[in-house]
Protein backbone atom coordinates (compact mmCIF):
# COMPACT_ATOMS: atom_id res chain seq x y z
CA MET A 1 -70.23 -6.90 -8.39
CA ARG A 2 -73.38 -6.76 -10.54
CA VAL A 3 -73.67 -3.53 -12.52
CA MET A 4 -76.58 -2.30 -14.61
CA ILE A 5 -75.60 0.08 -17.41
CA VAL A 6 -78.50 2.12 -18.75
CA ASP A 7 -77.87 4.16 -21.91
CA ASP A 8 -79.69 4.45 -25.23
CA SER A 9 -76.35 4.25 -27.06
CA THR A 10 -74.99 0.73 -27.55
CA SER A 11 -71.51 2.10 -28.18
CA MET A 12 -71.58 4.15 -24.96
CA ARG A 13 -72.58 1.07 -22.94
CA LEU A 14 -69.57 -0.74 -24.43
CA ILE A 15 -67.26 2.20 -23.64
CA VAL A 16 -68.47 2.27 -20.02
CA LYS A 17 -67.87 -1.48 -19.65
CA ARG A 18 -64.41 -1.23 -21.20
CA THR A 19 -63.50 1.70 -18.95
CA LEU A 20 -64.58 -0.17 -15.81
CA LYS A 21 -62.55 -3.21 -16.84
CA ARG A 22 -59.47 -1.05 -17.49
CA VAL A 23 -59.82 0.54 -14.06
CA GLY A 24 -59.64 -3.00 -12.68
CA TYR A 25 -63.06 -3.58 -11.18
CA ASP A 26 -64.35 -7.16 -11.21
CA MET A 27 -67.90 -6.68 -12.44
CA GLU A 28 -70.61 -8.48 -14.34
CA PHE A 29 -72.87 -6.37 -16.49
CA MET A 30 -76.50 -6.13 -17.48
CA GLU A 31 -77.55 -3.53 -20.01
CA ALA A 32 -80.73 -1.60 -20.73
CA ASP A 33 -81.34 0.95 -23.48
CA ASP A 34 -83.71 3.19 -21.54
CA GLY A 35 -85.13 3.73 -18.08
CA SER A 36 -88.31 1.78 -18.65
CA VAL A 37 -86.41 -1.35 -19.69
CA ALA A 38 -84.09 -0.91 -16.71
CA TYR A 39 -87.07 -0.40 -14.40
CA ASP A 40 -88.59 -3.68 -15.61
CA LYS A 41 -85.31 -5.58 -15.11
CA ILE A 42 -83.87 -4.10 -11.92
CA GLY A 43 -85.81 -6.29 -9.50
CA GLU A 44 -84.84 -9.48 -11.31
CA TYR A 45 -81.17 -8.56 -11.82
CA ASN A 46 -80.73 -6.92 -8.40
CA PRO A 47 -77.60 -4.89 -9.28
CA GLU A 48 -75.26 -3.49 -6.68
CA LEU A 49 -74.57 -0.43 -8.84
CA VAL A 50 -76.48 1.38 -11.60
CA LEU A 51 -74.68 3.61 -14.10
CA CYS A 52 -77.25 5.58 -16.04
CA ASP A 53 -77.46 8.16 -18.79
CA TRP A 54 -79.70 11.15 -18.08
CA ASN A 55 -81.29 11.79 -21.50
CA MET A 56 -82.96 8.74 -23.00
CA PRO A 57 -86.24 8.10 -24.82
CA ILE A 58 -89.33 6.64 -23.13
CA MET A 59 -88.04 7.06 -19.54
CA ASN A 60 -85.07 9.29 -18.80
CA GLY A 61 -82.50 8.62 -16.11
CA ILE A 62 -83.80 10.96 -13.42
CA ASP A 63 -87.33 9.56 -13.74
CA PHE A 64 -85.92 6.02 -13.53
CA LEU A 65 -83.99 6.92 -10.37
CA LYS A 66 -87.02 8.56 -8.77
CA ALA A 67 -89.22 5.56 -9.64
CA ILE A 68 -86.91 3.01 -8.02
CA ARG A 69 -86.34 5.20 -4.96
CA GLU A 70 -90.11 5.55 -4.52
CA GLU A 71 -90.26 1.75 -4.32
CA GLY A 72 -87.57 1.70 -1.65
CA ASN A 73 -84.71 0.50 -3.85
CA THR A 74 -81.47 1.87 -2.39
CA VAL A 75 -79.04 0.57 -5.03
CA LYS A 76 -75.92 2.68 -5.49
CA PHE A 77 -76.66 4.92 -8.45
CA GLY A 78 -74.59 7.25 -10.61
CA PHE A 79 -75.21 9.22 -13.75
CA VAL A 80 -72.88 9.12 -16.76
CA THR A 81 -74.10 11.95 -18.96
CA THR A 82 -73.08 14.66 -21.40
CA GLU A 83 -74.78 17.37 -19.38
CA SER A 84 -73.59 18.18 -15.90
CA THR A 85 -74.95 21.56 -14.89
CA ALA A 86 -75.09 22.56 -11.25
CA GLU A 87 -78.88 22.16 -11.41
CA MET A 88 -78.58 18.62 -12.76
CA ARG A 89 -76.05 17.69 -10.11
CA ALA A 90 -78.35 19.05 -7.41
CA ALA A 91 -81.38 17.21 -8.86
CA ALA A 92 -79.38 13.98 -9.07
CA LYS A 93 -78.25 14.24 -5.46
CA GLU A 94 -81.74 15.15 -4.25
CA ALA A 95 -83.18 12.12 -6.07
CA GLY A 96 -80.63 9.81 -4.44
CA ALA A 97 -77.71 9.52 -6.87
CA GLN A 98 -74.26 9.16 -5.34
CA PHE A 99 -72.35 10.78 -8.22
CA LEU A 100 -72.47 12.22 -11.72
CA ILE A 101 -69.70 11.58 -14.24
CA ALA A 102 -69.58 13.93 -17.22
CA LYS A 103 -69.00 12.61 -20.75
CA PRO A 104 -66.45 12.50 -22.19
CA PHE A 105 -64.89 10.76 -19.22
CA THR A 106 -61.55 9.20 -18.42
CA GLU A 107 -60.55 6.13 -16.46
CA GLU A 108 -59.42 8.48 -13.71
CA SER A 109 -62.78 10.27 -13.51
CA PHE A 110 -64.56 6.91 -13.22
CA GLU A 111 -62.20 5.69 -10.52
CA LYS A 112 -62.48 8.97 -8.58
CA ALA A 113 -66.29 8.81 -8.64
CA LEU A 114 -66.56 5.10 -7.85
CA ARG A 115 -63.90 4.72 -5.15
CA PRO A 116 -65.94 6.34 -2.35
CA VAL A 117 -69.09 4.51 -3.43
CA ILE A 118 -67.85 0.95 -3.94
CA GLY A 119 -64.42 0.98 -2.36
């Protein structure tokens, strides 16, 4: 499975990759450090899943999600973010995200969020 990880923190992208590997998913990864870079790369990489931070410079995660949905891209999409208010969860769902995982996260929280989305 091709996964795009979008986060402005290099260390957080590494932690997400390591967590997914520990959970046992067979994935290949592409990384982007903000939504605009991810937006430019998504068509070429064609991921099956996007894991995205919410707060990033240049283009934040919710704007990135809205932009790809406006173009008809239906990739499975989840947020991995430090903030997870009820309003953010509602905005994420309304924009087309399948889940939101709050940082700090555990292997179990990743598996629980991903299982219904990717099996």
